Structures are given as structure tokens and as C-alpha cells.
Amino acid sequence: MGNKGINWLIFLVLSLIWGSSFILMIKGMERLSPFQLAALRIIFSGLVLLPVAIKKFKTIPKNKIFTIFLSGFLGSLIPAFLFCIAETKLDSSLAGSLNALTPVFVILMGALFFNNNVAKNKILGICISFAGSILLYFAQPLGHYDSISFLFTLLIVLATIMYGLNVNMVGKYLSGIPSLHIASVALSLNAIPAAVVLYFTGYFSQDIFSTPMLIATGYTFILGVIGTAFASVIFYVLMKRAGMVFASMVTYAIPAVAIMWAILYKHNDIIFAGNLSFKEIISTIFYNWWKQFICLLIILSGVYYANRVQKDVE
């Protein structure tokens, strides 16, 4: 498999992992508060990467340590809390769709604060993919748009702005440091403030060994280890291999996965409630999926167009 093939494989794996993160948040918050889930997510990710962080810490220049901490702060810690709080009011599929603003802010933050020049094909590709992402959300058979809280929507927008800043910061100031080093040290350091937040949420005053708490914590463990630790490492790998614009455009494929999980999750509730026949369930789940498939093709065509020229200015 060539370099481009490997880049696309990483792209698809990240889409599946991060697209599944939204439903894991919903499942975890059936018992945990948003602050508890977000804190545990970062703590678990930091703990699993702690042995690597301890081993690699001395190899990192001292003047880069704070930048790496800030990368974890902007790219993982604060967005984890913002997304969890937002998902108390927003549908997980909408959260996944709003996450597609990230590449827009990668370019905007790069132009405003990092003096980046971006090739025209990347800008047009991002516009195509963003349009596909918007169409994808409205192609859902289960969308309810009139009850969306604008305030909670802004929390996710703020998270994508932070993602945009982080991607540019890593690209400019941490390009010479291996991806595993960045992710392990960033998440291990940010696990410390996360642990402080967890303590003050009253998590340890609850019966944390009860079955509901163990199940919710289990979902959060998967979210932290796979959705944050592992995904952060391969995201940094993708960014170094294919550039920050291509890496950030993984957020355009995420809504397809988030919407799939949202539909299946809602229909599971309907199935267990016994409100629909099997025929009605199958008909409802697959109705309009052809529209979502077309939207996904639009998204991926935008990603392809944005990256069809290898030597673009970033």
C-alpha cells in the first residue's frame, strides 16, 4: 500500500473512532455527569499513555513541554468538557455534524494567527465537504431542528475553534517531535487537572462499584483509551504524513458514523419499547439512507479535491 493509501486508511479509522465517540458519551452520561465523564475520559487516556510519557519525557526539549501541554489542553481537555455539556441538550448526530466546522477553523486560525497560506483547491475542497456535511445532517429521518439550543451549539463551535488552534500550533511548533511523544505527554499532563475536576464532582462519594456506575465507567474507559489516546496518536501521525488540512478534514466523515449510531440507538429504544413492528423498523432505518450515501460521496469528493495536488502550501 502506497503513502496515499495509508493516509486514507488512517483517515477512515479515525472517522470510525471519533464518529463512535458521540454515542459513547451519551451512554456514559446515562449515569455520569458531563464533568465526570469528560474528566474520566482524559484520565484514562493519560494513564494508558503514562508509561510512554515517562520514557519519552526526557527526550523532549524543555522549551516544548508547555506547548505540548497546551496542545492537550486545547485539543483534548477543554473540548472533552464542551462536548459532554453540549450533548446534554443536543443530539449526538448534530454534535458530530457540528464537529465538521474544524477544517474551516484550521484555515481561519492559520490565516489569522499563524500567517498560513492555503492553496485554492484546499479551500474549495473544504467548502464542498462542509456543504455535504450540512446536507448529511438534514438528510436524517429523525432530525428535530426546532428544539436545538443555540447556546449548547456554540459550545461545540468553541471546541472546533480550539481544535483549529491546536492543529496549527502542532504543525508550526511541534513538527520535529514524534506523534507518540506529543500525544502521550500531552494527555498525561492534562490528566492532572482532569483528576482535580473529577475529585470536586463528587464522583468518589458515589457507589462507583455499583453495576450502573461500572457500565458507565466502562463506556468512558473505551472512550478514553480508544477515542482519545489511540485516536490522538494516529491523528498526529496523519497530520505529519498528509498535512494539517487533510488531517482536520477527517471531521467531515465523522457525521456519517455519528448519525448511523444515533439512528441505531434511537431505534433500539423503539424496539425495546415495542412501539414498531419489525417491518416498520427496517423501513424507517433504511428510508433516506440513499440520501445520506450521496451526501457522504459529496464529503469524500471534497476531501479528495482538497488533496489532489501533493505540493500545496499549508
Protein backbone atom coordinates (compact mmCIF):
# COMPACT_ATOMS: atom_id res chain seq x y z
CA MET A 1 0.00 0.00 0.00
CA GLY A 2 1.41 3.40 -1.01
CA ASN A 3 1.63 6.50 1.14
CA LYS A 4 -1.68 7.86 -0.12
CA GLY A 5 -3.40 4.55 0.62
CA ILE A 6 -2.04 4.51 4.17
CA ASN A 7 -3.17 8.12 4.68
CA TRP A 8 -6.70 7.25 3.56
CA LEU A 9 -6.73 4.15 5.77
CA ILE A 10 -5.79 6.26 8.81
CA PHE A 11 -8.43 8.78 7.73
CA LEU A 12 -11.16 6.11 7.70
CA VAL A 13 -10.06 4.55 11.01
CA LEU A 14 -10.17 7.98 12.68
CA SER A 15 -13.61 8.63 11.20
CA LEU A 16 -14.94 5.40 12.70
CA ILE A 17 -13.35 6.00 16.10
CA TRP A 18 -14.31 9.64 16.52
CA GLY A 19 -17.73 9.14 14.93
CA SER A 20 -18.45 6.50 17.58
CA SER A 21 -17.32 8.78 20.40
CA PHE A 22 -20.59 10.73 20.47
CA ILE A 23 -22.78 7.71 21.21
CA LEU A 24 -20.29 6.54 23.86
CA MET A 25 -20.69 9.93 25.56
CA ILE A 26 -24.47 9.52 25.54
CA LYS A 27 -24.20 6.02 27.03
CA GLY A 28 -21.71 7.14 29.67
CA MET A 29 -23.85 10.07 30.72
CA GLU A 30 -26.77 7.78 31.48
CA ARG A 31 -25.10 7.54 34.90
CA LEU A 32 -22.20 10.01 34.96
CA SER A 33 -22.40 13.79 34.90
CA PRO A 34 -20.84 15.58 31.89
CA PHE A 35 -17.93 16.78 34.06
CA GLN A 36 -17.31 13.30 35.44
CA LEU A 37 -17.33 11.68 32.02
CA ALA A 38 -15.04 14.28 30.45
CA ALA A 39 -12.59 14.11 33.36
CA LEU A 40 -12.51 10.30 33.35
CA ARG A 41 -12.00 10.29 29.59
CA ILE A 42 -8.83 12.36 29.88
CA ILE A 43 -7.63 10.48 32.97
CA PHE A 44 -7.98 7.08 31.27
CA SER A 45 -6.22 8.33 28.14
CA GLY A 46 -3.42 9.82 30.22
CA LEU A 47 -2.97 6.67 32.30
CA VAL A 48 -2.75 4.32 29.33
CA LEU A 49 -0.07 6.54 27.76
CA LEU A 50 1.74 7.32 31.03
CA PRO A 51 4.46 4.63 30.61
CA VAL A 52 5.31 6.08 27.19
CA ALA A 53 5.23 9.64 28.55
CA ILE A 54 7.63 8.76 31.37
CA LYS A 55 10.02 7.07 28.94
CA LYS A 56 9.92 9.85 26.32
CA PHE A 57 9.66 12.92 28.55
CA LYS A 58 13.41 13.42 28.81
CA THR A 59 13.82 13.30 25.03
CA ILE A 60 11.59 16.35 24.52
CA PRO A 61 13.21 19.82 24.59
CA LYS A 62 12.26 21.66 27.77
CA ASN A 63 11.06 24.69 25.85
CA LYS A 64 8.48 22.47 24.10
CA ILE A 65 6.88 20.97 27.22
CA PHE A 66 4.41 23.81 27.80
CA THR A 67 3.46 23.84 24.11
CA ILE A 68 2.72 20.11 24.31
CA PHE A 69 0.65 20.65 27.47
CA LEU A 70 -1.24 23.44 25.70
CA SER A 71 -1.84 21.12 22.76
CA GLY A 72 -3.53 18.62 25.06
CA PHE A 73 -5.41 21.41 26.82
CA LEU A 74 -6.83 22.89 23.59
CA GLY A 75 -7.09 19.68 21.59
CA SER A 76 -8.43 17.27 24.22
CA LEU A 77 -9.14 18.53 27.75
CA ILE A 78 -11.41 21.55 27.21
CA PRO A 79 -13.20 20.12 24.13
CA ALA A 80 -13.98 16.95 26.11
CA PHE A 81 -15.92 19.04 28.65
CA LEU A 82 -17.56 21.22 26.00
CA PHE A 83 -18.83 18.24 24.00
CA CYS A 84 -20.15 16.43 27.07
CA ILE A 85 -22.02 19.50 28.31
CA ALA A 86 -23.42 20.15 24.82
CA GLU A 87 -24.66 16.59 24.46
CA THR A 88 -26.92 17.01 27.48
CA LYS A 89 -29.12 19.07 25.15
CA LEU A 90 -28.06 18.21 21.61
CA ASP A 91 -28.48 15.04 19.60
CA SER A 92 -25.24 13.09 19.12
CA SER A 93 -25.68 13.24 15.36
CA LEU A 94 -25.88 17.04 15.46
CA ALA A 95 -22.77 17.15 17.63
CA GLY A 96 -20.97 15.04 15.04
CA SER A 97 -22.15 17.29 12.23
CA LEU A 98 -21.11 20.49 14.00
CA ASN A 99 -17.68 18.96 14.55
CA ALA A 100 -17.23 19.32 10.78
CA LEU A 101 -16.50 23.01 11.35
CA THR A 102 -12.97 22.04 12.43
CA PRO A 103 -11.26 22.32 9.00
CA VAL A 104 -12.86 25.73 8.50
CA PHE A 105 -11.28 26.95 11.71
CA VAL A 106 -7.98 25.25 10.88
CA ILE A 107 -7.74 27.51 7.84
CA LEU A 108 -9.18 30.58 9.59
CA MET A 109 -6.96 30.30 12.68
CA GLY A 110 -3.97 29.57 10.47
CA ALA A 111 -4.58 32.70 8.41
CA LEU A 112 -5.30 34.95 11.42
CA PHE A 113 -2.62 33.83 13.88
CA PHE A 114 -0.05 31.69 12.06
CA ASN A 115 0.39 33.55 8.74
CA ASN A 116 -0.52 30.44 6.75
CA ASN A 117 -1.22 30.48 3.03
CA VAL A 118 -3.66 27.83 1.85
CA ALA A 119 -3.96 26.57 -1.71
CA LYS A 120 -7.22 27.33 -3.55
CA ASN A 121 -8.00 23.67 -4.12
CA LYS A 122 -7.97 23.08 -0.35
CA ILE A 123 -10.36 25.97 0.30
CA LEU A 124 -12.77 24.78 -2.41
CA GLY A 125 -12.49 21.18 -1.22
CA ILE A 126 -13.35 22.23 2.32
CA CYS A 127 -16.37 24.18 1.07
CA ILE A 128 -17.60 21.13 -0.86
CA SER A 129 -17.16 18.82 2.13
CA PHE A 130 -18.76 21.30 4.53
CA ALA A 131 -21.80 21.58 2.25
CA GLY A 132 -22.02 17.78 2.15
CA SER A 133 -21.82 17.66 5.95
CA ILE A 134 -24.70 20.11 6.33
CA LEU A 135 -26.79 18.17 3.80
CA LEU A 136 -25.95 14.94 5.62
CA TYR A 137 -27.46 16.16 8.85
CA PHE A 138 -30.66 17.35 7.20
CA ALA A 139 -30.96 14.03 5.34
CA GLN A 140 -31.64 12.26 8.64
CA PRO A 141 -35.08 10.73 9.04
CA LEU A 142 -35.04 11.53 12.77
CA GLY A 143 -33.97 15.16 12.85
CA HIS A 144 -35.80 17.64 15.06
CA TYR A 145 -34.41 21.07 14.36
CA ASP A 146 -36.79 23.32 16.22
CA SER A 147 -35.66 22.27 19.71
CA ILE A 148 -31.93 22.85 19.25
CA SER A 149 -30.42 25.08 21.90
CA PHE A 150 -28.30 27.77 20.29
CA LEU A 151 -26.17 28.16 23.44
CA PHE A 152 -25.19 24.49 23.51
CA THR A 153 -24.47 24.61 19.80
CA LEU A 154 -21.98 27.41 20.48
CA LEU A 155 -20.11 25.14 22.92
CA ILE A 156 -19.29 22.76 20.09
CA VAL A 157 -18.35 25.66 17.83
CA LEU A 158 -15.95 26.82 20.55
CA ALA A 159 -14.47 23.31 20.72
CA THR A 160 -13.85 23.31 16.95
CA ILE A 161 -12.13 26.70 17.24
CA MET A 162 -9.80 25.14 19.82
CA TYR A 163 -9.17 22.21 17.50
CA GLY A 164 -8.24 24.68 14.78
CA LEU A 165 -5.78 26.46 17.05
CA ASN A 166 -4.27 23.18 18.22
CA VAL A 167 -3.74 21.78 14.73
CA ASN A 168 -1.94 24.95 13.64
CA MET A 169 0.12 25.08 16.81
CA VAL A 170 1.27 21.48 16.45
CA GLY A 171 2.03 21.98 12.77
CA LYS A 172 4.15 25.07 13.41
CA TYR A 173 5.86 24.44 16.75
CA LEU A 174 5.94 20.64 17.24
CA SER A 175 6.69 19.34 13.76
CA GLY A 176 10.03 17.86 14.81
CA ILE A 177 8.63 15.83 17.72
CA PRO A 178 7.27 12.29 17.09
CA SER A 179 3.50 11.89 17.24
CA LEU A 180 3.53 9.33 20.07
CA HIS A 181 5.68 11.66 22.19
CA ILE A 182 3.27 14.56 21.72
CA ALA A 183 0.11 12.57 22.46
CA SER A 184 1.47 10.68 25.48
CA VAL A 185 2.98 13.70 27.23
CA ALA A 186 0.05 16.00 26.37
CA LEU A 187 -2.61 13.62 27.69
CA SER A 188 -0.61 12.51 30.74
CA LEU A 189 -0.04 16.12 31.81
CA ASN A 190 -3.68 17.06 31.22
CA ALA A 191 -4.84 14.08 33.26
CA ILE A 192 -3.71 16.03 36.34
CA PRO A 193 -6.23 18.92 36.04
CA ALA A 194 -8.82 16.35 34.91
CA ALA A 195 -8.27 14.42 38.16
CA VAL A 196 -8.76 17.62 40.17
CA VAL A 197 -12.07 18.27 38.39
CA LEU A 198 -13.18 14.66 38.95
CA TYR A 199 -12.49 14.94 42.68
CA PHE A 200 -14.69 18.02 43.05
CA THR A 201 -17.57 16.47 41.06
CA GLY A 202 -18.30 14.08 43.92
CA TYR A 203 -17.54 11.01 41.82
CA PHE A 204 -15.77 9.20 44.66
CA SER A 205 -18.63 9.83 47.10
CA GLN A 206 -20.89 7.68 44.92
CA ASP A 207 -21.11 3.90 44.83
CA ILE A 208 -18.59 3.60 41.98
CA PHE A 209 -18.69 -0.21 42.13
CA SER A 210 -22.41 -0.49 41.50
CA THR A 211 -23.35 -2.10 38.20
CA PRO A 212 -24.74 1.09 36.55
CA MET A 213 -21.61 3.05 37.52
CA LEU A 214 -19.28 0.30 36.34
CA ILE A 215 -21.07 0.13 32.97
CA ALA A 216 -20.95 3.91 32.53
CA THR A 217 -17.31 3.99 33.58
CA GLY A 218 -16.62 1.15 31.13
CA TYR A 219 -18.03 3.19 28.25
CA THR A 220 -15.85 6.08 29.38
CA PHE A 221 -12.79 3.84 29.55
CA ILE A 222 -13.33 2.83 25.91
CA LEU A 223 -13.85 6.49 25.04
CA GLY A 224 -10.63 7.50 26.78
CA VAL A 225 -8.36 4.70 25.59
CA ILE A 226 -9.60 4.31 22.01
CA GLY A 227 -11.39 7.60 21.32
CA THR A 228 -8.74 9.84 22.88
CA ALA A 229 -5.37 8.11 23.50
CA PHE A 230 -5.16 5.90 20.42
CA ALA A 231 -7.01 8.36 18.17
CA SER A 232 -4.79 11.27 19.24
CA VAL A 233 -1.64 9.34 18.36
CA ILE A 234 -2.82 8.39 14.89
CA PHE A 235 -4.24 11.88 14.31
CA TYR A 236 -0.81 13.39 14.93
CA VAL A 237 0.66 10.71 12.66
CA LEU A 238 -1.80 11.62 9.91
CA MET A 239 -1.12 15.32 10.32
CA LYS A 240 2.63 14.80 9.93
CA ARG A 241 2.17 12.45 6.96
CA ALA A 242 -0.52 14.26 4.99
CA GLY A 243 -0.65 17.81 6.32
CA MET A 244 -2.89 19.57 8.80
CA VAL A 245 -5.70 20.40 6.36
CA PHE A 246 -6.14 16.78 5.22
CA ALA A 247 -5.95 15.54 8.82
CA SER A 248 -8.54 18.05 10.03
CA MET A 249 -10.90 17.04 7.21
CA VAL A 250 -11.45 13.71 8.95
CA THR A 251 -14.21 15.60 10.77
CA TYR A 252 -16.22 15.62 7.54
CA ALA A 253 -16.57 11.84 7.56
CA ILE A 254 -17.35 11.71 11.29
CA PRO A 255 -21.03 12.80 10.92
CA ALA A 256 -21.82 9.72 8.82
CA VAL A 257 -20.72 7.44 11.67
CA ALA A 258 -22.31 9.63 14.37
CA ILE A 259 -25.64 9.69 12.51
CA MET A 260 -25.55 5.91 11.99
CA TRP A 261 -25.09 5.33 15.72
CA ALA A 262 -27.77 7.90 16.59
CA ILE A 263 -30.29 6.19 14.30
CA LEU A 264 -29.49 2.70 15.62
CA TYR A 265 -29.55 3.93 19.23
CA LYS A 266 -32.94 5.58 18.85
CA HIS A 267 -34.41 2.59 17.07
CA ASN A 268 -33.13 0.25 19.77
CA ASP A 269 -35.14 2.30 22.25
CA ILE A 270 -38.18 1.96 19.99
CA ILE A 271 -37.64 -1.79 19.56
CA PHE A 272 -37.42 -2.41 23.30
CA ALA A 273 -40.47 -0.24 23.88
CA GLY A 274 -42.35 -2.36 21.36
CA ASN A 275 -43.76 0.64 19.52
CA LEU A 276 -42.98 -0.53 15.96
CA SER A 277 -43.29 -3.75 14.02
CA PHE A 278 -40.17 -5.31 12.54
CA LYS A 279 -41.24 -4.19 9.05
CA GLU A 280 -41.75 -0.60 10.23
CA ILE A 281 -38.36 -0.60 11.97
CA ILE A 282 -36.50 -1.81 8.86
CA SER A 283 -38.40 0.61 6.64
CA THR A 284 -37.67 3.60 8.89
CA ILE A 285 -33.98 2.80 9.40
CA PHE A 286 -33.24 2.44 5.69
CA TYR A 287 -35.55 5.15 4.40
CA ASN A 288 -33.45 8.11 3.19
CA TRP A 289 -30.14 6.21 3.55
CA TRP A 290 -29.60 6.70 -0.15
CA LYS A 291 -29.61 10.46 0.52
CA GLN A 292 -27.02 10.03 3.27
CA PHE A 293 -24.86 7.93 0.94
CA ILE A 294 -24.92 10.70 -1.68
CA CYS A 295 -24.01 13.26 0.98
CA LEU A 296 -21.10 11.10 2.08
CA LEU A 297 -19.88 10.93 -1.52
CA ILE A 298 -20.01 14.74 -1.66
CA ILE A 299 -17.97 14.93 1.55
CA LEU A 300 -15.31 12.50 0.35
CA SER A 301 -15.13 14.15 -3.07
CA GLY A 302 -14.35 17.43 -1.32
CA VAL A 303 -11.61 15.73 0.70
CA TYR A 304 -10.19 14.20 -2.47
CA TYR A 305 -10.27 17.51 -4.35
CA ALA A 306 -8.63 19.35 -1.47
CA ASN A 307 -5.73 16.92 -1.52
CA ARG A 308 -5.35 16.00 -5.20
CA VAL A 309 -2.29 18.24 -5.51
CA GLN A 310 0.51 16.92 -3.31
CA LYS A 311 2.65 20.02 -3.01
CA ASP A 312 0.24 22.60 -1.69
CA VAL A 313 1.18 25.48 0.55
CA GLU A 314 -0.11 24.99 4.04
